[in-house]
Structures are given as structure tokens and as C-alpha cells.
PDB file of N, CA and C in Angstrom:
ATOM      1  N   UNK A   1       1.088  -1.068   0.233  1.00  0.00           N
ATOM      2  CA  UNK A   1      -0.081   0.193  -0.095  1.00  0.00           C
ATOM      3  C   UNK A   1       0.708   0.979   0.162  1.00  0.00           C
ATOM      4  N   UNK A   2       0.481   1.957  -0.989  1.00  0.00           N
ATOM      5  CA  UNK A   2       1.312   3.447  -0.722  1.00  0.00           C
ATOM      6  C   UNK A   2       0.608   4.202   0.366  1.00  0.00           C
ATOM      7  N   UNK A   3       1.482   5.700   0.525  1.00  0.00           N
ATOM      8  CA  UNK A   3       1.063   6.551   1.522  1.00  0.00           C
ATOM      9  C   UNK A   3      -0.440   6.985   0.965  1.00  0.00           C
ATOM     10  N   UNK A   4      -0.016   7.688  -0.250  1.00  0.00           N
ATOM     11  CA  UNK A   4      -1.430   7.897  -1.397  1.00  0.00           C
ATOM     12  C   UNK A   4      -2.469   7.256  -0.725  1.00  0.00           C
ATOM     13  N   UNK A   5      -2.653   6.063  -1.073  1.00  0.00           N
ATOM     14  CA  UNK A   5      -3.693   4.843  -0.520  1.00  0.00           C
ATOM     15  C   UNK A   5      -4.237   4.817   0.824  1.00  0.00           C
ATOM     16  N   UNK A   6      -2.995   4.945   1.511  1.00  0.00           N
ATOM     17  CA  UNK A   6      -3.708   4.924   3.196  1.00  0.00           C
ATOM     18  C   UNK A   6      -4.237   6.396   3.359  1.00  0.00           C
ATOM     19  N   UNK A   7      -3.625   7.176   2.816  1.00  0.00           N
ATOM     20  CA  UNK A   7      -4.052   8.726   3.403  1.00  0.00           C
ATOM     21  C   UNK A   7      -5.958   8.705   2.745  1.00  0.00           C
ATOM     22  N   UNK A   8      -5.865   8.008   1.493  1.00  0.00           N
ATOM     23  CA  UNK A   8      -6.958   8.079   1.405  1.00  0.00           C
ATOM     24  C   UNK A   8      -7.814   7.412   1.719  1.00  0.00           C
ATOM     25  N   UNK A   9      -7.683   6.075   2.195  1.00  0.00           N
ATOM     26  CA  UNK A   9      -8.436   5.126   3.008  1.00  0.00           C
ATOM     27  C   UNK A   9      -8.882   5.536   4.817  1.00  0.00           C
ATOM     28  N   UNK A  10      -7.628   6.556   5.069  1.00  0.00           N
ATOM     29  CA  UNK A  10      -8.102   6.964   6.242  1.00  0.00           C
ATOM     30  C   UNK A  10      -9.190   7.996   5.983  1.00  0.00           C
ATOM     31  N   UNK A  11      -9.182   8.505   4.634  1.00  0.00           N
ATOM     32  CA  UNK A  11     -10.101   9.834   4.776  1.00  0.00           C
ATOM     33  C   UNK A  11     -11.499   9.304   4.395  1.00  0.00           C
ATOM     34  N   UNK A  12     -11.435   8.492   3.876  1.00  0.00           N
ATOM     35  CA  UNK A  12     -12.784   7.386   3.425  1.00  0.00           C
ATOM     36  C   UNK A  12     -13.885   7.004   5.183  1.00  0.00           C
ATOM     37  N   UNK A  13     -12.944   6.656   5.617  1.00  0.00           N
ATOM     38  CA  UNK A  13     -12.804   5.880   6.661  1.00  0.00           C
ATOM     39  C   UNK A  13     -13.654   6.797   7.577  1.00  0.00           C
ATOM     40  N   UNK A  14     -12.917   8.463   7.985  1.00  0.00           N
ATOM     41  CA  UNK A  14     -13.342   9.421   8.657  1.00  0.00           C
ATOM     42  C   UNK A  14     -14.850   9.788   8.059  1.00  0.00           C
ATOM     43  N   UNK A  15     -15.275  10.230   6.765  1.00  0.00           N
ATOM     44  CA  UNK A  15     -16.134  10.419   6.117  1.00  0.00           C
ATOM     45  C   UNK A  15     -17.326   9.543   6.212  1.00  0.00           C
ATOM     46  N   UNK A  16     -17.205   8.189   6.176  1.00  0.00           N
ATOM     47  CA  UNK A  16     -18.506   7.451   6.558  1.00  0.00           C
ATOM     48  C   UNK A  16     -18.594   7.272   8.247  1.00  0.00           C
ATOM     49  N   UNK A  17     -17.441   7.730   9.401  1.00  0.00           N
ATOM     50  CA  UNK A  17     -17.932   7.790  10.158  1.00  0.00           C
ATOM     51  C   UNK A  17     -18.945   9.539  10.533  1.00  0.00           C
ATOM     52  N   UNK A  18     -18.668  10.384   9.832  1.00  0.00           N
ATOM     53  CA  UNK A  18     -18.829  11.615   9.635  1.00  0.00           C
ATOM     54  C   UNK A  18     -20.520  11.128   9.439  1.00  0.00           C
ATOM     55  N   UNK A  19     -20.910  10.294   8.501  1.00  0.00           N
ATOM     56  CA  UNK A  19     -22.067  10.138   8.012  1.00  0.00           C
ATOM     57  C   UNK A  19     -22.886   9.689   8.903  1.00  0.00           C
ATOM     58  N   UNK A  20     -22.442   8.570   9.775  1.00  0.00           N
ATOM     59  CA  UNK A  20     -23.039   7.934  10.823  1.00  0.00           C
ATOM     60  C   UNK A  20     -23.312   8.630  12.129  1.00  0.00           C
ATOM     61  N   UNK A  21     -22.500   9.657  12.359  1.00  0.00           N
ATOM     62  CA  UNK A  21     -23.141  10.573  13.280  1.00  0.00           C
ATOM     63  C   UNK A  21     -24.108  11.783  12.755  1.00  0.00           C
ATOM     64  N   UNK A  22     -23.899  12.130  11.789  1.00  0.00           N
ATOM     65  CA  UNK A  22     -24.619  12.900  11.363  1.00  0.00           C
ATOM     66  C   UNK A  22     -25.823  12.159  11.231  1.00  0.00           C
ATOM     67  N   UNK A  23     -26.245  11.291  10.775  1.00  0.00           N
ATOM     68  CA  UNK A  23     -27.613  10.199  10.873  1.00  0.00           C
ATOM     69  C   UNK A  23     -28.268  10.167  12.238  1.00  0.00           C
ATOM     70  N   UNK A  24     -27.513  10.024  13.395  1.00  0.00           N
ATOM     71  CA  UNK A  24     -27.914  10.084  15.069  1.00  0.00           C
ATOM     72  C   UNK A  24     -27.775  11.226  15.484  1.00  0.00           C
ATOM     73  N   UNK A  25     -27.845  12.268  14.348  1.00  0.00           N
ATOM     74  CA  UNK A  25     -27.946  13.811  15.198  1.00  0.00           C
ATOM     75  C   UNK A  25     -26.886  14.445  15.483  1.00  0.00           C
ATOM     76  N   UNK A  26     -26.032  13.412  16.094  1.00  0.00           N
ATOM     77  CA  UNK A  26     -24.469  14.353  16.377  1.00  0.00           C
ATOM     78  C   UNK A  26     -23.870  15.271  15.634  1.00  0.00           C
ATOM     79  N   UNK A  27     -24.621  16.247  15.368  1.00  0.00           N
ATOM     80  CA  UNK A  27     -23.619  17.481  14.479  1.00  0.00           C
ATOM     81  C   UNK A  27     -22.306  18.000  15.098  1.00  0.00           C
ATOM     82  N   UNK A  28     -21.766  17.530  16.119  1.00  0.00           N
ATOM     83  CA  UNK A  28     -20.810  18.484  16.496  1.00  0.00           C
ATOM     84  C   UNK A  28     -19.901  17.187  16.226  1.00  0.00           C
ATOM     85  N   UNK A  29     -20.360  15.840  16.063  1.00  0.00           N
ATOM     86  CA  UNK A  29     -18.859  14.865  16.063  1.00  0.00           C
ATOM     87  C   UNK A  29     -19.117  14.437  14.264  1.00  0.00           C
ATOM     88  N   UNK A  30     -19.782  14.758  13.778  1.00  0.00           N
ATOM     89  CA  UNK A  30     -20.224  14.781  12.336  1.00  0.00           C
ATOM     90  C   UNK A  30     -19.121  15.640  11.413  1.00  0.00           C
ATOM     91  N   UNK A  31     -19.119  16.653  12.169  1.00  0.00           N
ATOM     92  CA  UNK A  31     -18.025  18.150  11.814  1.00  0.00           C
ATOM     93  C   UNK A  31     -16.864  17.849  12.194  1.00  0.00           C
ATOM     94  N   UNK A  32     -16.958  17.360  13.325  1.00  0.00           N
ATOM     95  CA  UNK A  32     -15.126  16.768  13.589  1.00  0.00           C
ATOM     96  C   UNK A  32     -14.565  15.737  12.522  1.00  0.00           C
ATOM     97  N   UNK A  33     -15.147  14.931  12.263  1.00  0.00           N
ATOM     98  CA  UNK A  33     -14.977  13.648  11.559  1.00  0.00           C
ATOM     99  C   UNK A  33     -15.205  14.187   9.712  1.00  0.00           C
ATOM    100  N   UNK A  34     -15.376  15.062   9.444  1.00  0.00           N
ATOM    101  CA  UNK A  34     -15.834  15.361   8.190  1.00  0.00           C
ATOM    102  C   UNK A  34     -14.252  16.206   8.187  1.00  0.00           C
ATOM    103  N   UNK A  35     -14.331  16.854   8.923  1.00  0.00           N
ATOM    104  CA  UNK A  35     -12.781  17.732   9.137  1.00  0.00           C
ATOM    105  C   UNK A  35     -11.685  17.147   8.879  1.00  0.00           C
ATOM    106  N   UNK A  36     -11.738  15.895   9.761  1.00  0.00           N
ATOM    107  CA  UNK A  36     -10.567  15.287   9.862  1.00  0.00           C
ATOM    108  C   UNK A  36     -10.575  14.088   8.338  1.00  0.00           C
ATOM    109  N   UNK A  37     -11.728  13.725   7.631  1.00  0.00           N
ATOM    110  CA  UNK A  37     -11.795  13.612   6.083  1.00  0.00           C
ATOM    111  C   UNK A  37     -11.046  14.651   4.854  1.00  0.00           C
ATOM    112  N   UNK A  38     -11.301  15.562   5.753  1.00  0.00           N
ATOM    113  CA  UNK A  38     -11.051  16.743   4.671  1.00  0.00           C
ATOM    114  C   UNK A  38      -9.362  16.759   5.133  1.00  0.00           C
ATOM    115  N   UNK A  39      -8.591  16.675   6.255  1.00  0.00           N
ATOM    116  CA  UNK A  39      -7.355  16.910   6.607  1.00  0.00           C
ATOM    117  C   UNK A  39      -6.386  15.683   5.588  1.00  0.00           C
ATOM    118  N   UNK A  40      -7.086  14.735   5.601  1.00  0.00           N
ATOM    119  CA  UNK A  40      -6.250  13.501   5.389  1.00  0.00           C
ATOM    120  C   UNK A  40      -6.367  13.304   3.486  1.00  0.00           C
ATOM    121  N   UNK A  41      -7.487  14.265   3.216  1.00  0.00           N
ATOM    122  CA  UNK A  41      -7.353  14.113   1.870  1.00  0.00           C
ATOM    123  C   UNK A  41      -6.608  15.510   1.190  1.00  0.00           C
ATOM    124  N   UNK A  42      -6.317  16.361   2.069  1.00  0.00           N
ATOM    125  CA  UNK A  42      -5.129  17.694   1.755  1.00  0.00           C
ATOM    126  C   UNK A  42      -4.177  17.188   1.964  1.00  0.00           C
ATOM    127  N   UNK A  43      -3.541  16.461   3.107  1.00  0.00           N
ATOM    128  CA  UNK A  43      -2.349  15.809   2.882  1.00  0.00           C
ATOM    129  C   UNK A  43      -2.107  14.919   1.834  1.00  0.00           C
ATOM    130  N   UNK A  44      -2.806  13.932   1.527  1.00  0.00           N
ATOM    131  CA  UNK A  44      -2.600  13.378   0.402  1.00  0.00           C
ATOM    132  C   UNK A  44      -2.437  13.866  -1.076  1.00  0.00           C
ATOM    133  N   UNK A  45      -3.340  15.287  -1.094  1.00  0.00           N
ATOM    134  CA  UNK A  45      -3.023  16.168  -2.257  1.00  0.00           C
ATOM    135  C   UNK A  45      -1.759  17.174  -2.305  1.00  0.00           C
ATOM    136  N   UNK A  46      -1.188  17.179  -0.961  1.00  0.00           N
ATOM    137  CA  UNK A  46       0.511  17.813  -0.660  1.00  0.00           C
ATOM    138  C   UNK A  46       1.830  16.751  -1.124  1.00  0.00           C
ATOM    139  N   UNK A  47       1.344  15.205  -1.138  1.00  0.00           N
ATOM    140  CA  UNK A  47       2.565  14.797  -1.117  1.00  0.00           C
ATOM    141  C   UNK A  47       2.922  14.895  -2.669  1.00  0.00           C
ATOM    142  N   UNK A  48       4.640  14.687  -2.399  1.00  0.00           N
ATOM    143  CA  UNK A  48       5.331  14.659  -3.664  1.00  0.00           C
ATOM    144  C   UNK A  48       5.201  13.759  -4.330  1.00  0.00           C
ATOM    145  N   UNK A  49       5.290  13.334  -5.987  1.00  0.00           N
ATOM    146  CA  UNK A  49       5.480  12.359  -6.574  1.00  0.00           C
ATOM    147  C   UNK A  49       6.070  11.153  -5.873  1.00  0.00           C
ATOM    148  N   UNK A  50       7.378  11.570  -5.066  1.00  0.00           N
ATOM    149  CA  UNK A  50       8.324  10.552  -4.583  1.00  0.00           C
ATOM    150  C   UNK A  50       7.306   9.885  -3.393  1.00  0.00           C
ATOM    151  N   UNK A  51       6.793  10.931  -2.414  1.00  0.00           N
ATOM    152  CA  UNK A  51       5.987  10.308  -1.468  1.00  0.00           C
ATOM    153  C   UNK A  51       4.998   9.768  -2.043  1.00  0.00           C
ATOM    154  N   UNK A  52       3.985  10.015  -2.733  1.00  0.00           N
ATOM    155  CA  UNK A  52       3.162   9.111  -3.538  1.00  0.00           C
ATOM    156  C   UNK A  52       3.304   7.509  -3.846  1.00  0.00           C
ATOM    157  N   UNK A  53       4.393   7.465  -4.283  1.00  0.00           N
ATOM    158  CA  UNK A  53       4.779   6.130  -4.668  1.00  0.00           C
ATOM    159  C   UNK A  53       5.371   5.065  -3.566  1.00  0.00           C
ATOM    160  N   UNK A  54       5.802   5.996  -2.488  1.00  0.00           N
ATOM    161  CA  UNK A  54       6.145   5.583  -1.204  1.00  0.00           C
ATOM    162  C   UNK A  54       5.170   4.099  -0.799  1.00  0.00           C
ATOM    163  N   UNK A  55       6.093   3.232  -0.648  1.00  0.00           N
ATOM    164  CA  UNK A  55       5.198   2.370   0.120  1.00  0.00           C
ATOM    165  C   UNK A  55       5.506   2.246   1.188  1.00  0.00           C
ATOM    166  N   UNK A  56       4.637   1.958   2.317  1.00  0.00           N
ATOM    167  CA  UNK A  56       4.331   1.989   3.932  1.00  0.00           C
ATOM    168  C   UNK A  56       4.013   0.604   4.304  1.00  0.00           C
TER     169      UNK A  56
END
């Protein structure tokens, strides 16, 4: 698995949590996990080509 794949999987997991909390009416927790999801996506976007291909 590459560093990019790992970050994107973490982003997707956080997004799923955000959806679950939103469905339960827990808006603060939903927003927290949505922000975490966005943070992982941003980290993935900022990787260099070498870092994207790096296996972890």
C-alpha cells in the first residue's frame, strides 16, 4: 500500500463516521470527522510524486 492510498483510506473511513454521526443527529461529531476526512485528503494532495509512490 502506498502512502497516498493509506491517506485516502483514512479519509474515507472518517467520512463514513461523519455520515453515521450525522444520521444520529450528532452534528458536532459529524463535523469533526468530516474535517478529519478533509485533512487526510489535503495531506494526500500535498504529497510529492516520490511520497505518493512510497510504500508503507
